[in-house]
Amino acid sequence: MATVAEVAPGIHRIESDLGPRLMAQYVLIGSERTVLIDTGLASTPEPVLFPALTELGLVDGPDLVVISHADVDHSGGNAALRDRYPHARFACHAADRAWVESADAMLEGNYLWYDAYGFGPSAEDRAFLAAELGADAPIDETLAGGDVLDLGDGWRLDVLHLPGHTPGHIGLWDPRSGSALVIDAILDRGVRDRAGTLLIPPRVYDTAGYAATIARVAALAPERLLTAHFDVLEGDAVGAFLERSLAQDEGVAAAVRDGLAGGERDLWALTDSADRRLGPYPEFTIELAAAVRDHARRQGVEL
């Protein structure tokens, strides 16, 4: 079951379960244009998005579907949305487009790169990813930082390029309500289940870009932070979330620095050490390896 709630004027959050954790998409309804942010897994549209869009009065679907970034739970439903709403246009950042358009490219580049280091997703996780990435679906246009989405009657949203989690992660800034829709661009100490137990580490390919993303969002001084896997954050909770996110990445850097100083050069060993220091992360622990590898590179060691 999904819940639909208006979390800021014109911004609606569709929240459902993704295993023990939450997952959210957003619908922005303007007087002249409607926008859906992300399509979930391949299995998300039928039970979640189609009923929610109908509940919001969008029987014919949105005008624009913005894919925030290339991940199975953000673009897996693209083909189903295209089939249901053929008039809708799809957009993402150019840097993530190849992965968003091709399930094989996404699987290989985003989820199986660990194989070269002797570890990777379990057979069960690989099967889940292959199924939930869905069928290939084209992107109609690309968005870049600095672009503006005009939804009518003066409601204009700024497109933010928020790299780190993926090269082409984008978000939206709504100055009218002070809402920053950052989706997965900033990830606290990691994703938790609904009971608050830490599950999945932040996956960060570009740690310098990630720190810059956190600073960029902090400079906006948002009243509200809207993500895909955390509750709606408002007021003082926004700053605390940003501070924890930066501290988490600094913790990975310290763990890598200590490991390298001790002579360790194996990516999995360094990742396991960071997991023990910062986690533990019982699910998708391997995703911590992206930040570990990048911090090692920044410290002069290619793993």
C-alpha atoms as a PDB file:
ATOM      1  CA  MET A   1       0.000   0.000   0.000  1.00  0.00           C
ATOM      2  CA  ALA A   2       1.131   3.521  -0.778  1.00  0.00           C
ATOM      3  CA  THR A   3       0.320   6.752   0.989  1.00  0.00           C
ATOM      4  CA  VAL A   4      -0.022  10.049  -0.855  1.00  0.00           C
ATOM      5  CA  ALA A   5       0.493  13.306   1.014  1.00  0.00           C
ATOM      6  CA  GLU A   6       1.025  16.934   0.029  1.00  0.00           C
ATOM      7  CA  VAL A   7       4.277  17.814   1.807  1.00  0.00           C
ATOM      8  CA  ALA A   8       4.577  21.357   0.401  1.00  0.00           C
ATOM      9  CA  PRO A   9       2.271  23.417  -1.812  1.00  0.00           C
ATOM     10  CA  GLY A  10       1.886  21.459  -5.043  1.00  0.00           C
ATOM     11  CA  ILE A  11       4.447  18.798  -4.032  1.00  0.00           C
ATOM     12  CA  HIS A  12       2.998  15.358  -3.318  1.00  0.00           C
ATOM     13  CA  ARG A  13       4.950  12.463  -1.836  1.00  0.00           C
ATOM     14  CA  ILE A  14       4.055   8.890  -2.798  1.00  0.00           C
ATOM     15  CA  GLU A  15       5.459   6.614  -0.106  1.00  0.00           C
ATOM     16  CA  SER A  16       5.510   2.815  -0.161  1.00  0.00           C
ATOM     17  CA  ASP A  17       7.559  -0.053   1.227  1.00  0.00           C
ATOM     18  CA  LEU A  18      10.777  -1.339  -0.270  1.00  0.00           C
ATOM     19  CA  GLY A  19      11.297  -4.408   1.845  1.00  0.00           C
ATOM     20  CA  PRO A  20      11.736  -3.171   5.437  1.00  0.00           C
ATOM     21  CA  ARG A  21      12.538   0.405   4.351  1.00  0.00           C
ATOM     22  CA  LEU A  22      10.556   3.172   2.744  1.00  0.00           C
ATOM     23  CA  MET A  23      10.676   4.439  -0.815  1.00  0.00           C
ATOM     24  CA  ALA A  24       9.211   7.692  -2.089  1.00  0.00           C
ATOM     25  CA  GLN A  25       8.494   9.322  -5.416  1.00  0.00           C
ATOM     26  CA  TYR A  26       7.229  12.875  -5.850  1.00  0.00           C
ATOM     27  CA  VAL A  27       4.582  14.469  -8.038  1.00  0.00           C
ATOM     28  CA  LEU A  28       4.589  18.213  -8.652  1.00  0.00           C
ATOM     29  CA  ILE A  29       1.288  19.559  -9.910  1.00  0.00           C
ATOM     30  CA  GLY A  30       1.349  23.013 -11.465  1.00  0.00           C
ATOM     31  CA  SER A  31      -1.333  24.897 -13.327  1.00  0.00           C
ATOM     32  CA  GLU A  32       0.280  24.181 -16.703  1.00  0.00           C
ATOM     33  CA  ARG A  33       2.572  21.207 -16.182  1.00  0.00           C
ATOM     34  CA  THR A  34       2.883  18.127 -13.988  1.00  0.00           C
ATOM     35  CA  VAL A  35       6.116  16.352 -13.097  1.00  0.00           C
ATOM     36  CA  LEU A  36       6.775  12.894 -11.630  1.00  0.00           C
ATOM     37  CA  ILE A  37      10.165  12.345 -10.032  1.00  0.00           C
ATOM     38  CA  ASP A  38      11.324   8.725 -10.430  1.00  0.00           C
ATOM     39  CA  THR A  39       9.477   5.523 -11.295  1.00  0.00           C
ATOM     40  CA  GLY A  40      10.679   3.068  -8.641  1.00  0.00           C
ATOM     41  CA  LEU A  41      11.399  -0.572  -9.398  1.00  0.00           C
ATOM     42  CA  ALA A  42       9.934  -2.428 -12.359  1.00  0.00           C
ATOM     43  CA  SER A  43       7.326  -3.759  -9.929  1.00  0.00           C
ATOM     44  CA  THR A  44       6.424  -0.315  -8.497  1.00  0.00           C
ATOM     45  CA  PRO A  45       4.135   1.305 -11.114  1.00  0.00           C
ATOM     46  CA  GLU A  46       1.225  -1.148 -11.072  1.00  0.00           C
ATOM     47  CA  PRO A  47       0.509  -1.294  -7.317  1.00  0.00           C
ATOM     48  CA  VAL A  48       1.878   2.120  -6.328  1.00  0.00           C
ATOM     49  CA  LEU A  49       2.305   4.790  -8.994  1.00  0.00           C
ATOM     50  CA  PHE A  50      -0.715   4.197 -11.212  1.00  0.00           C
ATOM     51  CA  PRO A  51      -3.207   4.271  -8.302  1.00  0.00           C
ATOM     52  CA  ALA A  52      -1.454   7.265  -6.723  1.00  0.00           C
ATOM     53  CA  LEU A  53      -1.470   9.276  -9.941  1.00  0.00           C
ATOM     54  CA  THR A  54      -5.153   8.488 -10.379  1.00  0.00           C
ATOM     55  CA  GLU A  55      -5.815   9.568  -6.794  1.00  0.00           C
ATOM     56  CA  LEU A  56      -4.092  12.868  -7.594  1.00  0.00           C
ATOM     57  CA  GLY A  57      -6.359  13.360 -10.599  1.00  0.00           C
ATOM     58  CA  LEU A  58      -3.665  12.574 -13.163  1.00  0.00           C
ATOM     59  CA  VAL A  59      -5.562   9.835 -14.973  1.00  0.00           C
ATOM     60  CA  ASP A  60      -3.549  10.511 -18.120  1.00  0.00           C
ATOM     61  CA  GLY A  61      -0.293  10.614 -16.188  1.00  0.00           C
ATOM     62  CA  PRO A  62       2.321  13.356 -15.810  1.00  0.00           C
ATOM     63  CA  ASP A  63       3.625  15.605 -18.557  1.00  0.00           C
ATOM     64  CA  LEU A  64       7.263  15.045 -17.592  1.00  0.00           C
ATOM     65  CA  VAL A  65       9.004  12.196 -15.781  1.00  0.00           C
ATOM     66  CA  VAL A  66      12.317  13.262 -14.252  1.00  0.00           C
ATOM     67  CA  ILE A  67      14.683  10.437 -13.368  1.00  0.00           C
ATOM     68  CA  SER A  68      16.829  11.753 -10.556  1.00  0.00           C
ATOM     69  CA  HIS A  69      19.615   9.249 -11.138  1.00  0.00           C
ATOM     70  CA  ALA A  70      20.552   5.820 -12.411  1.00  0.00           C
ATOM     71  CA  ASP A  71      19.496   3.258  -9.809  1.00  0.00           C
ATOM     72  CA  VAL A  72      17.195   0.262  -9.947  1.00  0.00           C
ATOM     73  CA  ASP A  73      14.681   1.750  -7.511  1.00  0.00           C
ATOM     74  CA  HIS A  74      14.512   5.075  -9.346  1.00  0.00           C
ATOM     75  CA  SER A  75      14.277   4.117 -13.012  1.00  0.00           C
ATOM     76  CA  GLY A  76      13.174   0.464 -13.053  1.00  0.00           C
ATOM     77  CA  GLY A  77       9.562   1.466 -13.748  1.00  0.00           C
ATOM     78  CA  ASN A  78      10.371   3.590 -16.810  1.00  0.00           C
ATOM     79  CA  ALA A  79       9.148   1.127 -19.422  1.00  0.00           C
ATOM     80  CA  ALA A  80       5.851   0.552 -17.605  1.00  0.00           C
ATOM     81  CA  LEU A  81       5.248   4.303 -17.281  1.00  0.00           C
ATOM     82  CA  ARG A  82       6.018   4.801 -20.959  1.00  0.00           C
ATOM     83  CA  ASP A  83       3.566   2.100 -21.941  1.00  0.00           C
ATOM     84  CA  ARG A  84       0.817   3.517 -19.712  1.00  0.00           C
ATOM     85  CA  TYR A  85       1.373   7.217 -20.527  1.00  0.00           C
ATOM     86  CA  PRO A  86       2.805   7.438 -24.059  1.00  0.00           C
ATOM     87  CA  HIS A  87       2.541  11.237 -24.155  1.00  0.00           C
ATOM     88  CA  ALA A  88       4.818  11.711 -21.115  1.00  0.00           C
ATOM     89  CA  ARG A  89       8.361  12.827 -21.808  1.00  0.00           C
ATOM     90  CA  PHE A  90      11.295  11.404 -19.855  1.00  0.00           C
ATOM     91  CA  ALA A  91      14.365  13.335 -18.767  1.00  0.00           C
ATOM     92  CA  CYS A  92      17.576  12.757 -16.797  1.00  0.00           C
ATOM     93  CA  HIS A  93      21.093  14.174 -16.626  1.00  0.00           C
ATOM     94  CA  ALA A  94      23.387  13.364 -19.545  1.00  0.00           C
ATOM     95  CA  ALA A  95      25.982  11.755 -17.264  1.00  0.00           C
ATOM     96  CA  ASP A  96      23.512   9.046 -16.141  1.00  0.00           C
ATOM     97  CA  ARG A  97      21.661   8.620 -19.421  1.00  0.00           C
ATOM     98  CA  ALA A  98      23.485   5.521 -20.701  1.00  0.00           C
ATOM     99  CA  TRP A  99      22.693   3.615 -17.502  1.00  0.00           C
ATOM    100  CA  VAL A 100      19.099   4.854 -17.331  1.00  0.00           C
ATOM    101  CA  GLU A 101      18.343   3.802 -20.902  1.00  0.00           C
ATOM    102  CA  SER A 102      19.934   0.339 -20.753  1.00  0.00           C
ATOM    103  CA  ALA A 103      19.344  -2.273 -18.067  1.00  0.00           C
ATOM    104  CA  ASP A 104      22.450  -4.172 -19.171  1.00  0.00           C
ATOM    105  CA  ALA A 105      24.627  -1.060 -18.984  1.00  0.00           C
ATOM    106  CA  MET A 106      23.255  -0.212 -15.545  1.00  0.00           C
ATOM    107  CA  LEU A 107      23.745  -3.739 -14.247  1.00  0.00           C
ATOM    108  CA  GLU A 108      27.310  -3.928 -15.511  1.00  0.00           C
ATOM    109  CA  GLY A 109      28.476  -0.429 -14.629  1.00  0.00           C
ATOM    110  CA  ASN A 110      26.568   0.290 -11.436  1.00  0.00           C
ATOM    111  CA  TYR A 111      26.174  -3.099  -9.769  1.00  0.00           C
ATOM    112  CA  LEU A 112      28.768  -5.564 -11.067  1.00  0.00           C
ATOM    113  CA  TRP A 113      31.944  -3.450 -11.200  1.00  0.00           C
ATOM    114  CA  TYR A 114      33.004  -5.130  -7.950  1.00  0.00           C
ATOM    115  CA  ASP A 115      33.587  -8.388  -9.844  1.00  0.00           C
ATOM    116  CA  ALA A 116      36.979  -7.101 -10.977  1.00  0.00           C
ATOM    117  CA  TYR A 117      37.969  -6.940  -7.290  1.00  0.00           C
ATOM    118  CA  GLY A 118      36.801 -10.450  -6.443  1.00  0.00           C
ATOM    119  CA  PHE A 119      33.486  -9.671  -4.722  1.00  0.00           C
ATOM    120  CA  GLY A 120      30.050  -8.396  -5.632  1.00  0.00           C
ATOM    121  CA  PRO A 121      26.299  -8.875  -5.200  1.00  0.00           C
ATOM    122  CA  SER A 122      25.035 -12.279  -4.123  1.00  0.00           C
ATOM    123  CA  ALA A 123      23.293 -14.497  -6.655  1.00  0.00           C
ATOM    124  CA  GLU A 124      19.979 -13.564  -5.033  1.00  0.00           C
ATOM    125  CA  ASP A 125      20.729  -9.845  -5.304  1.00  0.00           C
ATOM    126  CA  ARG A 126      21.807 -10.220  -8.932  1.00  0.00           C
ATOM    127  CA  ALA A 127      18.534 -11.914  -9.785  1.00  0.00           C
ATOM    128  CA  PHE A 128      16.594  -9.151  -8.001  1.00  0.00           C
ATOM    129  CA  LEU A 129      18.488  -6.435  -9.868  1.00  0.00           C
ATOM    130  CA  ALA A 130      18.051  -8.104 -13.245  1.00  0.00           C
ATOM    131  CA  ALA A 131      14.301  -8.421 -12.709  1.00  0.00           C
ATOM    132  CA  GLU A 132      13.654  -5.008 -11.189  1.00  0.00           C
ATOM    133  CA  LEU A 133      15.707  -2.973 -13.678  1.00  0.00           C
ATOM    134  CA  GLY A 134      12.842  -3.553 -16.103  1.00  0.00           C
ATOM    135  CA  ALA A 135      12.845  -3.270 -19.865  1.00  0.00           C
ATOM    136  CA  ASP A 136      14.955  -0.701 -21.679  1.00  0.00           C
ATOM    137  CA  ALA A 137      13.261   2.652 -22.198  1.00  0.00           C
ATOM    138  CA  PRO A 138      14.559   5.758 -23.980  1.00  0.00           C
ATOM    139  CA  ILE A 139      15.119   9.192 -22.516  1.00  0.00           C
ATOM    140  CA  ASP A 140      13.628  12.083 -24.508  1.00  0.00           C
ATOM    141  CA  GLU A 141      15.682  14.967 -23.167  1.00  0.00           C
ATOM    142  CA  THR A 142      18.471  15.763 -20.758  1.00  0.00           C
ATOM    143  CA  LEU A 143      18.475  18.211 -17.877  1.00  0.00           C
ATOM    144  CA  ALA A 144      21.471  20.044 -16.441  1.00  0.00           C
ATOM    145  CA  GLY A 145      22.172  22.165 -13.416  1.00  0.00           C
ATOM    146  CA  GLY A 146      20.866  25.664 -14.021  1.00  0.00           C
ATOM    147  CA  ASP A 147      17.877  24.552 -16.074  1.00  0.00           C
ATOM    148  CA  VAL A 148      14.464  25.738 -14.925  1.00  0.00           C
ATOM    149  CA  LEU A 149      11.170  23.854 -14.963  1.00  0.00           C
ATOM    150  CA  ASP A 150       8.194  26.198 -15.343  1.00  0.00           C
ATOM    151  CA  LEU A 151       5.016  24.627 -14.001  1.00  0.00           C
ATOM    152  CA  GLY A 152       2.819  27.672 -14.574  1.00  0.00           C
ATOM    153  CA  ASP A 153       1.568  30.734 -12.676  1.00  0.00           C
ATOM    154  CA  GLY A 154       5.080  31.717 -11.715  1.00  0.00           C
ATOM    155  CA  TRP A 155       6.015  28.388 -10.139  1.00  0.00           C
ATOM    156  CA  ARG A 156       9.547  27.762 -11.344  1.00  0.00           C
ATOM    157  CA  LEU A 157      11.889  25.075 -10.069  1.00  0.00           C
ATOM    158  CA  ASP A 158      15.655  25.132 -10.426  1.00  0.00           C
ATOM    159  CA  VAL A 159      17.383  21.955 -11.591  1.00  0.00           C
ATOM    160  CA  LEU A 160      20.350  21.111  -9.362  1.00  0.00           C
ATOM    161  CA  HIS A 161      23.228  18.899 -10.472  1.00  0.00           C
ATOM    162  CA  LEU A 162      24.123  16.959  -7.307  1.00  0.00           C
ATOM    163  CA  PRO A 163      26.941  14.515  -8.182  1.00  0.00           C
ATOM    164  CA  GLY A 164      28.532  11.992  -5.877  1.00  0.00           C
ATOM    165  CA  HIS A 165      26.069   9.143  -5.454  1.00  0.00           C
ATOM    166  CA  THR A 166      26.046   8.924  -9.259  1.00  0.00           C
ATOM    167  CA  PRO A 167      27.743  11.247 -11.763  1.00  0.00           C
ATOM    168  CA  GLY A 168      24.463  12.642 -13.056  1.00  0.00           C
ATOM    169  CA  HIS A 169      22.262  12.832  -9.981  1.00  0.00           C
ATOM    170  CA  ILE A 170      19.883  15.779 -10.205  1.00  0.00           C
ATOM    171  CA  GLY A 171      17.460  17.361  -7.780  1.00  0.00           C
ATOM    172  CA  LEU A 172      15.047  20.274  -7.748  1.00  0.00           C
ATOM    173  CA  TRP A 173      14.977  23.455  -5.689  1.00  0.00           C
ATOM    174  CA  ASP A 174      11.616  25.048  -5.024  1.00  0.00           C
ATOM    175  CA  PRO A 175      12.299  28.570  -3.732  1.00  0.00           C
ATOM    176  CA  ARG A 176       8.573  29.161  -3.315  1.00  0.00           C
ATOM    177  CA  SER A 177       8.311  26.675  -0.441  1.00  0.00           C
ATOM    178  CA  GLY A 178      11.974  26.392   0.495  1.00  0.00           C
ATOM    179  CA  SER A 179      11.968  22.704  -0.449  1.00  0.00           C
ATOM    180  CA  ALA A 180      15.032  20.888  -1.775  1.00  0.00           C
ATOM    181  CA  LEU A 181      14.184  17.619  -3.496  1.00  0.00           C
ATOM    182  CA  VAL A 182      17.525  15.827  -3.204  1.00  0.00           C
ATOM    183  CA  ILE A 183      16.271  12.212  -3.490  1.00  0.00           C
ATOM    184  CA  ASP A 184      19.440  10.067  -2.974  1.00  0.00           C
ATOM    185  CA  ALA A 185      22.037  12.799  -3.483  1.00  0.00           C
ATOM    186  CA  ILE A 186      22.646  13.005   0.283  1.00  0.00           C
ATOM    187  CA  LEU A 187      22.351   9.868   2.397  1.00  0.00           C
ATOM    188  CA  ASP A 188      23.040  10.531   6.091  1.00  0.00           C
ATOM    189  CA  ARG A 189      24.878   7.568   7.679  1.00  0.00           C
ATOM    190  CA  GLY A 190      22.992   5.250   5.346  1.00  0.00           C
ATOM    191  CA  VAL A 191      19.495   3.955   4.744  1.00  0.00           C
ATOM    192  CA  ARG A 192      17.609   2.508   7.707  1.00  0.00           C
ATOM    193  CA  ASP A 193      14.578   0.289   8.045  1.00  0.00           C
ATOM    194  CA  ARG A 194      11.343   1.722   9.411  1.00  0.00           C
ATOM    195  CA  ALA A 195      12.400   0.725  12.931  1.00  0.00           C
ATOM    196  CA  GLY A 196      15.552   2.829  12.626  1.00  0.00           C
ATOM    197  CA  THR A 197      18.114   0.038  12.183  1.00  0.00           C
ATOM    198  CA  LEU A 198      20.996   0.953   9.876  1.00  0.00           C
ATOM    199  CA  LEU A 199      20.881  -1.231   6.755  1.00  0.00           C
ATOM    200  CA  ILE A 200      22.670   0.086   3.666  1.00  0.00           C
ATOM    201  CA  PRO A 201      25.741   2.360   3.490  1.00  0.00           C
ATOM    202  CA  PRO A 202      25.852   5.478   1.331  1.00  0.00           C
ATOM    203  CA  ARG A 203      27.215   4.564  -2.084  1.00  0.00           C
ATOM    204  CA  VAL A 204      29.406   7.425  -3.253  1.00  0.00           C
ATOM    205  CA  TYR A 205      31.439   7.219  -6.455  1.00  0.00           C
ATOM    206  CA  ASP A 206      32.801  10.775  -6.316  1.00  0.00           C
ATOM    207  CA  THR A 207      33.523  11.780  -2.716  1.00  0.00           C
ATOM    208  CA  ALA A 208      34.710  15.298  -3.567  1.00  0.00           C
ATOM    209  CA  GLY A 209      31.551  15.803  -5.601  1.00  0.00           C
ATOM    210  CA  TYR A 210      29.496  14.451  -2.703  1.00  0.00           C
ATOM    211  CA  ALA A 211      30.990  16.940  -0.252  1.00  0.00           C
ATOM    212  CA  ALA A 212      30.346  19.730  -2.750  1.00  0.00           C
ATOM    213  CA  THR A 213      26.747  18.554  -3.128  1.00  0.00           C
ATOM    214  CA  ILE A 214      26.200  18.711   0.628  1.00  0.00           C
ATOM    215  CA  ALA A 215      27.686  22.215   0.713  1.00  0.00           C
ATOM    216  CA  ARG A 216      25.563  23.282  -2.255  1.00  0.00           C
ATOM    217  CA  VAL A 217      22.351  22.184  -0.570  1.00  0.00           C
ATOM    218  CA  ALA A 218      23.374  23.659   2.781  1.00  0.00           C
ATOM    219  CA  ALA A 219      23.962  27.026   1.082  1.00  0.00           C
ATOM    220  CA  LEU A 220      20.327  27.053  -0.030  1.00  0.00           C
ATOM    221  CA  ALA A 221      19.275  26.930   3.641  1.00  0.00           C
ATOM    222  CA  PRO A 222      16.235  24.786   2.793  1.00  0.00           C
ATOM    223  CA  GLU A 223      13.272  24.730   5.121  1.00  0.00           C
ATOM    224  CA  ARG A 224      12.459  21.234   3.940  1.00  0.00           C
ATOM    225  CA  LEU A 225      14.527  18.340   2.576  1.00  0.00           C
ATOM    226  CA  LEU A 226      12.767  15.710   0.480  1.00  0.00           C
ATOM    227  CA  THR A 227      14.505  12.381  -0.086  1.00  0.00           C
ATOM    228  CA  ALA A 228      13.608   8.937  -1.376  1.00  0.00           C
ATOM    229  CA  HIS A 229      14.385   6.814   1.689  1.00  0.00           C
ATOM    230  CA  PHE A 230      14.046   9.096   4.714  1.00  0.00           C
ATOM    231  CA  ASP A 231      11.139  10.837   6.389  1.00  0.00           C
ATOM    232  CA  VAL A 232      10.398  14.418   5.386  1.00  0.00           C
ATOM    233  CA  LEU A 233      12.999  16.613   7.103  1.00  0.00           C
ATOM    234  CA  GLU A 234      12.125  20.110   8.258  1.00  0.00           C
ATOM    235  CA  GLY A 235      13.629  22.862  10.382  1.00  0.00           C
ATOM    236  CA  ASP A 236      16.651  21.933  12.495  1.00  0.00           C
ATOM    237  CA  ALA A 237      16.466  18.327  11.254  1.00  0.00           C
ATOM    238  CA  VAL A 238      17.703  19.495   7.837  1.00  0.00           C
ATOM    239  CA  GLY A 239      21.011  20.850   9.124  1.00  0.00           C
ATOM    240  CA  ALA A 240      21.558  17.845  11.357  1.00  0.00           C
ATOM    241  CA  PHE A 241      21.010  15.491   8.410  1.00  0.00           C
ATOM    242  CA  LEU A 242      23.535  17.387   6.287  1.00  0.00           C
ATOM    243  CA  GLU A 243      26.109  17.406   9.095  1.00  0.00           C
ATOM    244  CA  ARG A 244      25.763  13.655   9.668  1.00  0.00           C
ATOM    245  CA  SER A 245      26.104  13.018   5.943  1.00  0.00           C
ATOM    246  CA  LEU A 246      29.374  14.928   5.750  1.00  0.00           C
ATOM    247  CA  ALA A 247      30.676  13.322   8.945  1.00  0.00           C
ATOM    248  CA  GLN A 248      29.920   9.884   7.491  1.00  0.00           C
ATOM    249  CA  ASP A 249      32.054  10.556   4.428  1.00  0.00           C
ATOM    250  CA  GLU A 250      34.843  11.980   6.567  1.00  0.00           C
ATOM    251  CA  GLY A 251      34.667   8.761   8.594  1.00  0.00           C
ATOM    252  CA  VAL A 252      35.190   6.694   5.448  1.00  0.00           C
ATOM    253  CA  ALA A 253      38.183   8.867   4.539  1.00  0.00           C
ATOM    254  CA  ALA A 254      39.697   8.291   7.988  1.00  0.00           C
ATOM    255  CA  ALA A 255      39.134   4.535   7.825  1.00  0.00           C
ATOM    256  CA  VAL A 256      40.815   4.394   4.423  1.00  0.00           C
ATOM    257  CA  ARG A 257      43.707   6.555   5.583  1.00  0.00           C
ATOM    258  CA  ASP A 258      44.326   4.268   8.564  1.00  0.00           C
ATOM    259  CA  GLY A 259      44.104   1.152   6.419  1.00  0.00           C
ATOM    260  CA  LEU A 260      46.492   2.464   3.810  1.00  0.00           C
ATOM    261  CA  ALA A 261      48.922   3.578   6.498  1.00  0.00           C
ATOM    262  CA  GLY A 262      48.926   0.002   7.748  1.00  0.00           C
ATOM    263  CA  GLY A 263      49.861  -1.258   4.289  1.00  0.00           C
ATOM    264  CA  GLU A 264      46.433  -2.570   3.229  1.00  0.00           C
ATOM    265  CA  ARG A 265      45.793  -2.425  -0.527  1.00  0.00           C
ATOM    266  CA  ASP A 266      42.854  -4.800  -0.946  1.00  0.00           C
ATOM    267  CA  LEU A 267      39.545  -3.057  -1.668  1.00  0.00           C
ATOM    268  CA  TRP A 268      37.385  -5.566   0.159  1.00  0.00           C
ATOM    269  CA  ALA A 269      39.616  -5.563   3.249  1.00  0.00           C
ATOM    270  CA  LEU A 270      39.488  -1.766   3.383  1.00  0.00           C
ATOM    271  CA  THR A 271      35.715  -1.836   2.869  1.00  0.00           C
ATOM    272  CA  ASP A 272      35.243  -4.399   5.613  1.00  0.00           C
ATOM    273  CA  SER A 273      37.315  -2.253   7.964  1.00  0.00           C
ATOM    274  CA  ALA A 274      35.208   0.824   7.167  1.00  0.00           C
ATOM    275  CA  ASP A 275      32.040  -1.224   7.691  1.00  0.00           C
ATOM    276  CA  ARG A 276      33.187  -2.335  11.145  1.00  0.00           C
ATOM    277  CA  ARG A 277      34.075   1.238  12.063  1.00  0.00           C
ATOM    278  CA  LEU A 278      30.986   2.999  10.693  1.00  0.00           C
ATOM    279  CA  GLY A 279      28.298   0.329  10.498  1.00  0.00           C
ATOM    280  CA  PRO A 280      27.717  -2.470  10.553  1.00  0.00           C
ATOM    281  CA  TYR A 281      25.684  -2.457   7.346  1.00  0.00           C
ATOM    282  CA  PRO A 282      23.912  -5.811   7.027  1.00  0.00           C
ATOM    283  CA  GLU A 283      22.558  -5.210   3.508  1.00  0.00           C
ATOM    284  CA  PHE A 284      24.487  -4.253   0.357  1.00  0.00           C
ATOM    285  CA  THR A 285      27.646  -3.760   2.432  1.00  0.00           C
ATOM    286  CA  ILE A 286      29.592  -3.821  -0.815  1.00  0.00           C
ATOM    287  CA  GLU A 287      28.208  -0.406  -1.780  1.00  0.00           C
ATOM    288  CA  LEU A 288      30.562   1.146   0.774  1.00  0.00           C
ATOM    289  CA  ALA A 289      33.401   0.108  -1.542  1.00  0.00           C
ATOM    290  CA  ALA A 290      32.686   2.943  -3.975  1.00  0.00           C
ATOM    291  CA  ALA A 291      33.582   5.628  -1.423  1.00  0.00           C
ATOM    292  CA  VAL A 292      36.498   3.544  -0.123  1.00  0.00           C
ATOM    293  CA  ARG A 293      37.968   3.234  -3.610  1.00  0.00           C
ATOM    294  CA  ASP A 294      37.569   6.944  -4.332  1.00  0.00           C
ATOM    295  CA  HIS A 295      39.082   8.045  -1.022  1.00  0.00           C
ATOM    296  CA  ALA A 296      42.039   5.739  -1.651  1.00  0.00           C
ATOM    297  CA  ARG A 297      42.490   7.350  -5.065  1.00  0.00           C
ATOM    298  CA  ARG A 298      42.334  10.816  -3.512  1.00  0.00           C
ATOM    299  CA  GLN A 299      45.006   9.699  -1.042  1.00  0.00           C
ATOM    300  CA  GLY A 300      47.249   8.654  -3.924  1.00  0.00           C
ATOM    301  CA  VAL A 301      46.554   4.918  -4.073  1.00  0.00           C
ATOM    302  CA  GLU A 302      44.850   3.230  -7.026  1.00  0.00           C
ATOM    303  CA  LEU A 303      43.215   0.016  -5.878  1.00  0.00           C
END
